[in-house]
Amino acid sequence: MSIWGFVQDQVLGMKWLNEMIGTGLSVLGLDISSRTGGSIQFFIYDVLKITVLLCVLIFVISYIQSYFPPERSKRILGRFHGIWANIIAALLGTVTPFCSCSSIPLFIGFTSAGLPIGVTFSFLISSPMVDLGSLVLLMSIFGTKVAIIYVAFGLAIAVAGGTIIEKLHMEKHIENFVLSAGSVDIESPDLTKWERLTYAKEQTVGTFKKVFPYILVGVGIGALIHNWIPESWIAAVLGSNNPFGVILATLVGIPMYADIFGTIPVAEALLFKGAQLGTVLSFMMAVTTLSLPSLIMLRKAVKPKLLALFIGVCTIGIILVGYLFNAFQFILI
């Protein structure tokens, strides 16, 4: 346990980096115990920590992704039926890109290829919510237990959501251009290890350029919450005394657009200020899964009734998970 504690605190959490930044700022004459000094330390530390984790995680996940092109993923999903197909689709979603918008083209491709609609929605829900990057980042902030349970609940929402949509036979609510698009089954060429490494490097650079502005905004908001907003305010709105905190956090998170890297510093600051764990995690799930830009993109592929069902299923699932986390917070933290 002491070895794992070291890994979690010093390797994933990089607490040594926070201490080093604090020492450096103090040498420069900045009082890190003040609001301004504390905000600067928080900002520099979180930007550097998340950037390092971001680049390492994207590189590793992109290398894994090179073994799962859309054609291969489609063939894998086509071998399974019933609830197992939803489970495999949700698991495949964990090795896809981080934001919800980037998952929608794959969702359209899988649907046009003739895969069951419930299976493709299980993939669409899990892809932004429970990728491998979120697991490692959550471990660095909230601990192993919380991270694993978060991923398990996220997969459960994806499987349940896809199953509900399948049982309600919502195929007629897919836009015609998706159903009539068909698919060309092109075999992906076998890549050499060097080509996979090159692909992973290109994905890392491209994703970093796209995500980094959101990291800056997220960390900036986190620094503001962490050092300038009184704990009493956060506790009153998102603490245990407000039974509607989970619902409020979920509804606030839905119209926002960010990925796991932009939301974690905000969640970290909210938890530090007295927000309940489940409330914070519901906010994260809502932001990453139901962002407004992704819903606008999804509306191009599905009709309003199916879009409303997707939003409703995800929202209810996220709220239930939030209340479950809050109920057992004393065990998890």
Foldseek 3Di string as FASTA:
>chain_A
DVVVVCCLCCVLQVVVLLVVLLVVVVVVVDDCVALVNVLVSLLVSLLVNLLVLLLVVLLVLLLVCVVPDLLNLLVVLVVDDDLVSLLSLLVVLQSDDAFLQVLVVSLLQSVLQPRQNLSSQLNSQNNNQAHPSQLSNCCNQQNNVVSVVSNVLSNVLSSVLSNVCRVVPQVVQWDPCSNPVHDDNDDDDDDDSVVSSVSSNVSSVVVCVVASVLLSVLSSLLSCLQRPPALVVLCVQQNPVDPCLLVVLLVVQQQAEHGSNNLVSNLSSSVVSHGAPLSSSLNRSNNRNRYPVSLVVVCVGGPPVVSVSSVVSSSVSSSVSSVVCRVCVVVSD
